[in-house]
């Protein structure tokens, strides 16, 4: 089964270009890299942005089954609570990609505000953002472990 191209909002095209422009301050190699980070950030921040007008889509063939598709599946499943979204058919693929595309659209706004507010410091801002996310996840893990310890007799 051939997969459709992955959509990006037309109004975000300039952000994708800026974040991948190595002659300026772009810190990402490909649109796919930006898209995957943006989808993750959008999900973590619960920022999902539906859109209609699409820029040129990203070919599904550039995505990696073991990492990219696994993350997309996990987020789609968490959002939908519907195991059928993981089926290998066009309808399920469209549903899960729409979820991730909308999270990527929302997440790109977060990335843009944090990284492009001062483009010369984009790489430093990116590292700070990753460290902040890592600390937040570690805090949640510690809190969950504490709760589990309290509940175990």
N, C-alpha and C. Protein backbone atom coordinates (compact mmCIF):
# COMPACT_ATOMS: atom_id res chain seq x y z
N UNK A 1 0.85 -1.18 0.00
CA UNK A 1 0.00 0.00 0.00
C UNK A 1 0.89 1.24 0.00
N UNK A 2 0.64 2.13 -0.93
CA UNK A 2 1.43 3.37 -0.95
C UNK A 2 0.84 4.35 0.06
N UNK A 3 1.70 5.12 0.67
CA UNK A 3 1.30 6.07 1.71
C UNK A 3 1.26 7.47 1.12
N UNK A 4 0.32 8.25 1.59
CA UNK A 4 0.22 9.64 1.14
C UNK A 4 1.38 10.45 1.70
N UNK A 5 1.61 11.60 1.11
CA UNK A 5 2.64 12.51 1.62
C UNK A 5 2.16 13.13 2.94
N UNK A 6 3.10 13.49 3.76
CA UNK A 6 2.79 14.02 5.08
C UNK A 6 2.62 15.53 4.98
N UNK A 7 1.49 16.01 5.47
CA UNK A 7 1.11 17.42 5.30
C UNK A 7 1.77 18.34 6.33
N UNK A 8 2.00 19.58 5.90
CA UNK A 8 2.49 20.66 6.75
C UNK A 8 1.68 21.90 6.42
N UNK A 9 1.35 22.71 7.42
CA UNK A 9 0.57 23.92 7.11
C UNK A 9 1.34 24.87 6.20
N UNK A 10 0.66 25.35 5.19
CA UNK A 10 1.27 26.28 4.24
C UNK A 10 1.81 27.53 4.94
N UNK A 11 1.09 28.02 5.95
CA UNK A 11 1.52 29.24 6.62
C UNK A 11 2.77 29.05 7.48
N UNK A 12 3.22 27.80 7.67
CA UNK A 12 4.43 27.53 8.44
C UNK A 12 5.65 27.24 7.56
N UNK A 13 5.50 27.38 6.27
CA UNK A 13 6.59 27.08 5.34
C UNK A 13 7.87 27.87 5.66
N UNK A 14 7.72 29.15 5.97
CA UNK A 14 8.90 29.97 6.27
C UNK A 14 9.63 29.49 7.52
N UNK A 15 8.90 28.98 8.48
CA UNK A 15 9.53 28.46 9.70
C UNK A 15 10.34 27.21 9.37
N UNK A 16 9.77 26.31 8.58
CA UNK A 16 10.50 25.11 8.16
C UNK A 16 11.78 25.50 7.42
N UNK A 17 11.65 26.46 6.51
CA UNK A 17 12.83 26.90 5.75
C UNK A 17 13.90 27.49 6.67
N UNK A 18 13.49 28.34 7.60
CA UNK A 18 14.45 28.96 8.52
C UNK A 18 15.15 27.93 9.39
N UNK A 19 14.41 26.94 9.85
CA UNK A 19 14.99 25.94 10.75
C UNK A 19 15.89 24.94 10.04
N UNK A 20 15.83 24.90 8.71
CA UNK A 20 16.68 23.97 7.95
C UNK A 20 17.70 24.68 7.06
N UNK A 21 17.73 26.00 7.09
CA UNK A 21 18.63 26.77 6.23
C UNK A 21 20.03 26.81 6.85
N UNK A 22 20.92 25.94 6.39
CA UNK A 22 22.27 25.86 6.97
C UNK A 22 23.13 27.08 6.64
N UNK A 23 22.74 27.86 5.65
CA UNK A 23 23.52 29.06 5.34
C UNK A 23 23.19 30.20 6.31
N UNK A 24 22.12 30.04 7.05
CA UNK A 24 21.74 31.03 8.07
C UNK A 24 21.88 30.39 9.43
N UNK A 25 20.75 30.25 10.14
CA UNK A 25 20.79 29.75 11.50
C UNK A 25 20.05 28.43 11.67
N UNK A 26 19.76 27.77 10.56
CA UNK A 26 19.03 26.51 10.63
C UNK A 26 19.82 25.46 11.39
N UNK A 27 19.14 24.76 12.28
CA UNK A 27 19.81 23.75 13.09
C UNK A 27 19.35 22.33 12.79
N UNK A 28 18.44 22.17 11.83
CA UNK A 28 17.95 20.86 11.45
C UNK A 28 18.36 20.54 10.03
N UNK A 29 18.61 19.26 9.76
CA UNK A 29 19.04 18.84 8.43
C UNK A 29 17.88 18.74 7.45
N UNK A 30 16.72 18.32 7.92
CA UNK A 30 15.60 18.07 7.01
C UNK A 30 14.28 18.55 7.59
N UNK A 31 13.29 18.71 6.72
CA UNK A 31 11.94 19.03 7.15
C UNK A 31 11.39 17.92 8.04
N UNK A 32 11.75 16.66 7.71
CA UNK A 32 11.28 15.54 8.51
C UNK A 32 11.76 15.67 9.95
N UNK A 33 12.99 16.10 10.15
CA UNK A 33 13.53 16.27 11.50
C UNK A 33 12.72 17.33 12.27
N UNK A 34 12.44 18.43 11.61
CA UNK A 34 11.64 19.50 12.22
C UNK A 34 10.25 18.96 12.55
N UNK A 35 9.64 18.27 11.59
CA UNK A 35 8.29 17.73 11.75
C UNK A 35 8.20 16.78 12.94
N UNK A 36 9.18 15.87 13.07
CA UNK A 36 9.13 14.89 14.15
C UNK A 36 9.30 15.56 15.51
N UNK A 37 10.21 16.51 15.62
CA UNK A 37 10.37 17.22 16.89
C UNK A 37 9.10 18.02 17.19
N UNK A 38 8.58 18.71 16.19
CA UNK A 38 7.39 19.53 16.38
C UNK A 38 6.20 18.68 16.83
N UNK A 39 6.03 17.50 16.26
CA UNK A 39 4.94 16.62 16.66
C UNK A 39 5.09 16.17 18.10
N UNK A 40 6.31 15.87 18.50
CA UNK A 40 6.58 15.45 19.89
C UNK A 40 6.31 16.59 20.86
N UNK A 41 6.81 17.78 20.53
CA UNK A 41 6.62 18.95 21.39
C UNK A 41 5.13 19.31 21.46
N UNK A 42 4.46 19.27 20.32
CA UNK A 42 3.02 19.57 20.31
C UNK A 42 2.26 18.62 21.22
N UNK A 43 2.59 17.34 21.17
CA UNK A 43 1.91 16.37 22.03
C UNK A 43 2.22 16.63 23.50
N UNK A 44 3.49 16.86 23.81
CA UNK A 44 3.88 17.10 25.20
C UNK A 44 3.23 18.36 25.77
N UNK A 45 3.08 19.37 24.91
CA UNK A 45 2.49 20.64 25.34
C UNK A 45 0.96 20.66 25.16
N UNK A 46 0.41 19.54 24.66
CA UNK A 46 -1.03 19.43 24.39
C UNK A 46 -1.51 20.56 23.47
N UNK A 47 -0.71 20.80 22.43
CA UNK A 47 -1.00 21.88 21.50
C UNK A 47 -1.23 21.28 20.12
N UNK A 48 -2.47 21.05 19.80
CA UNK A 48 -2.87 20.46 18.52
C UNK A 48 -3.57 21.53 17.69
N UNK A 49 -3.08 21.74 16.46
CA UNK A 49 -3.58 22.82 15.63
C UNK A 49 -4.07 22.27 14.28
N UNK A 50 -5.38 22.16 14.11
CA UNK A 50 -5.90 21.73 12.81
C UNK A 50 -5.58 22.78 11.74
N UNK A 51 -5.44 22.32 10.49
CA UNK A 51 -5.16 23.25 9.40
C UNK A 51 -5.75 22.70 8.11
N UNK A 52 -5.90 23.59 7.13
CA UNK A 52 -6.47 23.17 5.85
C UNK A 52 -5.46 23.30 4.71
N UNK A 53 -4.86 24.46 4.55
CA UNK A 53 -3.92 24.67 3.45
C UNK A 53 -2.57 24.02 3.72
N UNK A 54 -2.13 23.19 2.78
CA UNK A 54 -0.88 22.46 2.97
C UNK A 54 0.21 22.93 2.03
N UNK A 55 1.44 22.96 2.57
CA UNK A 55 2.62 23.17 1.74
C UNK A 55 2.95 21.82 1.09
N UNK A 56 4.01 21.77 0.31
CA UNK A 56 4.41 20.51 -0.30
C UNK A 56 4.64 19.48 0.81
N UNK A 57 4.05 18.30 0.63
CA UNK A 57 4.14 17.27 1.65
C UNK A 57 5.51 16.62 1.71
N UNK A 58 5.78 16.00 2.85
CA UNK A 58 7.03 15.25 3.04
C UNK A 58 6.75 13.81 2.61
N UNK A 59 7.60 13.24 1.76
CA UNK A 59 7.35 11.85 1.33
C UNK A 59 7.45 10.89 2.51
N UNK A 60 6.52 9.97 2.61
CA UNK A 60 6.52 8.99 3.69
C UNK A 60 7.80 8.14 3.66
N UNK A 61 8.40 7.98 2.51
CA UNK A 61 9.58 7.12 2.37
C UNK A 61 10.79 7.63 3.15
N UNK A 62 10.82 8.90 3.56
CA UNK A 62 11.96 9.42 4.32
C UNK A 62 11.84 9.12 5.82
N UNK A 63 10.70 8.64 6.25
CA UNK A 63 10.49 8.33 7.66
C UNK A 63 11.02 6.93 7.97
N UNK A 64 11.50 6.75 9.18
CA UNK A 64 12.07 5.48 9.62
C UNK A 64 11.02 4.69 10.39
N UNK A 65 10.85 3.43 10.01
CA UNK A 65 9.85 2.58 10.65
C UNK A 65 10.12 2.41 12.14
N UNK A 66 11.37 2.13 12.51
CA UNK A 66 11.69 1.80 13.90
C UNK A 66 11.56 2.98 14.86
N UNK A 67 11.80 4.18 14.38
CA UNK A 67 11.77 5.34 15.29
C UNK A 67 10.61 6.28 14.97
N UNK A 68 10.56 6.79 13.77
CA UNK A 68 9.54 7.78 13.41
C UNK A 68 8.13 7.19 13.47
N UNK A 69 7.94 6.07 12.81
CA UNK A 69 6.59 5.49 12.80
C UNK A 69 6.19 5.01 14.19
N UNK A 70 7.14 4.51 14.95
CA UNK A 70 6.83 4.07 16.32
C UNK A 70 6.33 5.24 17.16
N UNK A 71 6.98 6.40 17.05
CA UNK A 71 6.57 7.58 17.80
C UNK A 71 5.21 8.08 17.32
N UNK A 72 5.02 8.14 16.02
CA UNK A 72 3.73 8.57 15.45
C UNK A 72 2.62 7.65 15.93
N UNK A 73 2.86 6.33 15.90
CA UNK A 73 1.86 5.36 16.37
C UNK A 73 1.54 5.56 17.85
N UNK A 74 2.58 5.76 18.66
CA UNK A 74 2.37 5.92 20.11
C UNK A 74 1.53 7.16 20.41
N UNK A 75 1.83 8.25 19.74
CA UNK A 75 1.07 9.49 19.97
C UNK A 75 -0.36 9.35 19.46
N UNK A 76 -0.53 8.76 18.30
CA UNK A 76 -1.89 8.57 17.75
C UNK A 76 -2.71 7.66 18.66
N UNK A 77 -2.10 6.60 19.18
CA UNK A 77 -2.80 5.69 20.07
C UNK A 77 -3.15 6.38 21.39
N UNK A 78 -2.21 7.14 21.95
CA UNK A 78 -2.47 7.86 23.19
C UNK A 78 -3.59 8.88 23.01
N UNK A 79 -3.62 9.54 21.87
CA UNK A 79 -4.63 10.56 21.62
C UNK A 79 -6.01 9.96 21.36
N UNK A 80 -6.05 8.88 20.59
CA UNK A 80 -7.33 8.33 20.16
C UNK A 80 -7.89 7.27 21.11
N UNK A 81 -7.01 6.63 21.87
CA UNK A 81 -7.43 5.49 22.70
C UNK A 81 -8.15 4.43 21.88
N UNK A 82 -7.73 4.28 20.64
CA UNK A 82 -8.37 3.34 19.71
C UNK A 82 -7.29 2.50 19.04
N UNK A 83 -7.18 1.25 19.41
CA UNK A 83 -6.14 0.36 18.88
C UNK A 83 -6.26 0.17 17.37
N UNK A 84 -7.45 0.37 16.82
CA UNK A 84 -7.63 0.18 15.37
C UNK A 84 -6.85 1.21 14.56
N UNK A 85 -6.38 2.29 15.22
CA UNK A 85 -5.60 3.30 14.51
C UNK A 85 -4.25 2.74 14.05
N UNK A 86 -3.86 1.59 14.59
CA UNK A 86 -2.58 0.97 14.23
C UNK A 86 -2.70 -0.04 13.09
N UNK A 87 -3.91 -0.22 12.58
CA UNK A 87 -4.10 -1.15 11.46
C UNK A 87 -3.31 -0.70 10.24
N UNK A 88 -3.01 -1.64 9.38
CA UNK A 88 -2.24 -1.35 8.17
C UNK A 88 -3.19 -1.12 6.99
N UNK A 89 -3.92 -0.01 7.05
CA UNK A 89 -4.79 0.35 5.93
C UNK A 89 -4.79 1.87 5.77
N UNK A 90 -5.30 2.34 4.66
CA UNK A 90 -5.25 3.78 4.34
C UNK A 90 -6.02 4.64 5.33
N UNK A 91 -7.18 4.15 5.77
CA UNK A 91 -7.99 4.93 6.71
C UNK A 91 -7.26 5.13 8.03
N UNK A 92 -6.71 4.06 8.59
CA UNK A 92 -5.98 4.16 9.86
C UNK A 92 -4.75 5.06 9.69
N UNK A 93 -4.05 4.91 8.57
CA UNK A 93 -2.87 5.74 8.32
C UNK A 93 -3.27 7.22 8.27
N UNK A 94 -4.33 7.54 7.56
CA UNK A 94 -4.79 8.93 7.47
C UNK A 94 -5.17 9.48 8.85
N UNK A 95 -5.86 8.68 9.65
CA UNK A 95 -6.28 9.13 10.98
C UNK A 95 -5.07 9.42 11.87
N UNK A 96 -4.12 8.48 11.90
CA UNK A 96 -2.97 8.70 12.78
C UNK A 96 -2.08 9.84 12.28
N UNK A 97 -1.95 9.97 10.97
CA UNK A 97 -1.12 11.06 10.44
C UNK A 97 -1.78 12.41 10.69
N UNK A 98 -3.08 12.49 10.59
CA UNK A 98 -3.77 13.76 10.86
C UNK A 98 -3.52 14.19 12.30
N UNK A 99 -3.59 13.25 13.22
CA UNK A 99 -3.31 13.57 14.63
C UNK A 99 -1.90 14.12 14.76
N UNK A 100 -0.92 13.41 14.19
CA UNK A 100 0.47 13.84 14.34
C UNK A 100 0.73 15.14 13.59
N UNK A 101 0.16 15.28 12.40
CA UNK A 101 0.34 16.52 11.63
C UNK A 101 -0.18 17.73 12.42
N UNK A 102 -1.31 17.56 13.08
CA UNK A 102 -1.87 18.67 13.85
C UNK A 102 -1.03 18.96 15.09
N UNK A 103 -0.49 17.93 15.72
CA UNK A 103 0.43 18.17 16.84
C UNK A 103 1.71 18.84 16.34
N UNK A 104 2.18 18.45 15.17
CA UNK A 104 3.38 19.08 14.61
C UNK A 104 3.13 20.56 14.32
N UNK A 105 1.94 20.87 13.82
CA UNK A 105 1.60 22.28 13.54
C UNK A 105 1.59 23.09 14.83
N UNK A 106 1.04 22.53 15.89
CA UNK A 106 1.03 23.22 17.18
C UNK A 106 2.41 23.29 17.79
N UNK A 107 3.15 22.20 17.70
CA UNK A 107 4.49 22.16 18.27
C UNK A 107 5.46 23.07 17.55
N UNK A 108 5.26 23.27 16.25
CA UNK A 108 6.15 24.16 15.51
C UNK A 108 6.03 25.60 16.01
N UNK A 109 4.84 25.98 16.44
CA UNK A 109 4.67 27.32 17.02
C UNK A 109 5.50 27.46 18.29
N UNK A 110 5.55 26.42 19.11
CA UNK A 110 6.35 26.43 20.34
C UNK A 110 7.83 26.52 19.99
N UNK A 111 8.26 25.68 19.05
CA UNK A 111 9.67 25.68 18.63
C UNK A 111 10.04 27.05 18.06
N UNK A 112 9.19 27.59 17.22
CA UNK A 112 9.47 28.89 16.61
C UNK A 112 9.64 29.97 17.67
N UNK A 113 8.76 29.98 18.65
CA UNK A 113 8.85 31.03 19.67
C UNK A 113 10.10 30.86 20.53
N UNK A 114 10.53 29.63 20.79
CA UNK A 114 11.69 29.40 21.64
C UNK A 114 13.02 29.52 20.89
N UNK A 115 13.06 29.07 19.64
CA UNK A 115 14.33 29.03 18.92
C UNK A 115 14.56 30.25 18.04
N UNK A 116 13.52 30.79 17.47
CA UNK A 116 13.72 31.84 16.49
C UNK A 116 13.53 33.24 17.07
N UNK A 117 13.31 33.32 18.37
CA UNK A 117 13.20 34.64 18.97
C UNK A 117 14.55 35.35 18.88
N UNK A 118 15.64 34.57 18.93
CA UNK A 118 16.98 35.11 18.68
C UNK A 118 17.73 34.06 17.84
N UNK A 119 17.60 34.15 16.50
CA UNK A 119 18.16 33.11 15.63
C UNK A 119 19.64 32.81 15.83
N UNK A 120 20.42 33.80 16.22
CA UNK A 120 21.85 33.56 16.43
C UNK A 120 22.11 32.61 17.59
N UNK A 121 21.16 32.52 18.49
CA UNK A 121 21.30 31.63 19.64
C UNK A 121 20.40 30.40 19.54
N UNK A 122 19.92 30.10 18.32
CA UNK A 122 18.97 29.02 18.13
C UNK A 122 19.50 27.68 18.63
N UNK A 123 20.76 27.38 18.36
CA UNK A 123 21.32 26.10 18.79
C UNK A 123 21.37 26.02 20.32
N UNK A 124 21.81 27.09 20.95
CA UNK A 124 21.82 27.12 22.42
C UNK A 124 20.41 26.99 22.98
N UNK A 125 19.45 27.68 22.37
CA UNK A 125 18.06 27.60 22.81
C UNK A 125 17.51 26.20 22.64
N UNK A 126 17.92 25.53 21.55
CA UNK A 126 17.49 24.16 21.30
C UNK A 126 18.00 23.24 22.41
N UNK A 127 19.27 23.35 22.74
CA UNK A 127 19.84 22.54 23.81
C UNK A 127 19.13 22.81 25.13
N UNK A 128 18.87 24.08 25.43
CA UNK A 128 18.16 24.44 26.66
C UNK A 128 16.77 23.82 26.68
N UNK A 129 16.08 23.84 25.53
CA UNK A 129 14.74 23.26 25.45
C UNK A 129 14.80 21.75 25.70
N UNK A 130 15.77 21.06 25.11
CA UNK A 130 15.91 19.61 25.30
C UNK A 130 16.20 19.29 26.77
N UNK A 131 17.10 20.05 27.39
CA UNK A 131 17.43 19.83 28.80
C UNK A 131 16.19 20.05 29.66
N UNK A 132 15.42 21.09 29.36
CA UNK A 132 14.20 21.38 30.10
C UNK A 132 13.20 20.24 29.99
N UNK A 133 13.04 19.70 28.79
CA UNK A 133 12.13 18.57 28.57
C UNK A 133 12.63 17.36 29.35
N UNK A 134 13.93 17.10 29.27
CA UNK A 134 14.51 15.96 29.98
C UNK A 134 14.29 16.09 31.49
N UNK A 135 14.50 17.28 32.03
CA UNK A 135 14.29 17.51 33.47
C UNK A 135 12.83 17.31 33.85
N UNK A 136 11.92 17.78 32.99
CA UNK A 136 10.50 17.62 33.26
C UNK A 136 10.12 16.15 33.29
N UNK A 137 10.64 15.38 32.33
CA UNK A 137 10.35 13.94 32.28
C UNK A 137 10.94 13.25 33.50
N UNK A 138 12.17 13.61 33.88
CA UNK A 138 12.78 13.01 35.06
C UNK A 138 11.99 13.34 36.32
N UNK A 139 11.48 14.55 36.44
CA UNK A 139 10.66 14.92 37.58
C UNK A 139 9.39 14.08 37.63
N UNK A 140 8.76 13.87 36.47
CA UNK A 140 7.55 13.04 36.42
C UNK A 140 7.88 11.61 36.81
N UNK A 141 9.00 11.06 36.30
CA UNK A 141 9.41 9.71 36.66
C UNK A 141 9.64 9.59 38.16
N UNK A 142 10.33 10.57 38.74
CA UNK A 142 10.58 10.54 40.19
C UNK A 142 9.26 10.60 40.95
N UNK A 143 8.34 11.43 40.51
CA UNK A 143 7.04 11.54 41.18
C UNK A 143 6.27 10.23 41.07
N UNK A 144 6.28 9.61 39.87
CA UNK A 144 5.59 8.34 39.70
C UNK A 144 6.22 7.24 40.53
N UNK A 145 7.56 7.24 40.60
CA UNK A 145 8.25 6.23 41.41
C UNK A 145 7.92 6.42 42.88
N UNK A 146 7.87 7.65 43.35
CA UNK A 146 7.50 7.94 44.74
C UNK A 146 6.10 7.46 45.06
N UNK A 147 5.18 7.70 44.15
CA UNK A 147 3.80 7.26 44.34
C UNK A 147 3.75 5.73 44.37
N UNK A 148 4.45 5.09 43.45
CA UNK A 148 4.48 3.62 43.40
C UNK A 148 5.09 3.06 44.68
N UNK A 149 6.15 3.69 45.19
CA UNK A 149 6.77 3.24 46.44
C UNK A 149 5.80 3.37 47.60
N UNK A 150 5.02 4.46 47.64
CA UNK A 150 4.07 4.66 48.73
C UNK A 150 2.95 3.63 48.67
N UNK A 151 2.57 3.23 47.46
CA UNK A 151 1.45 2.30 47.31
C UNK A 151 1.85 0.85 47.53
N UNK A 152 3.13 0.54 47.40
CA UNK A 152 3.56 -0.84 47.60
C UNK A 152 3.71 -1.13 49.08
N UNK A 153 3.18 -2.25 49.50
CA UNK A 153 3.19 -2.60 50.93
C UNK A 153 4.25 -3.64 51.22
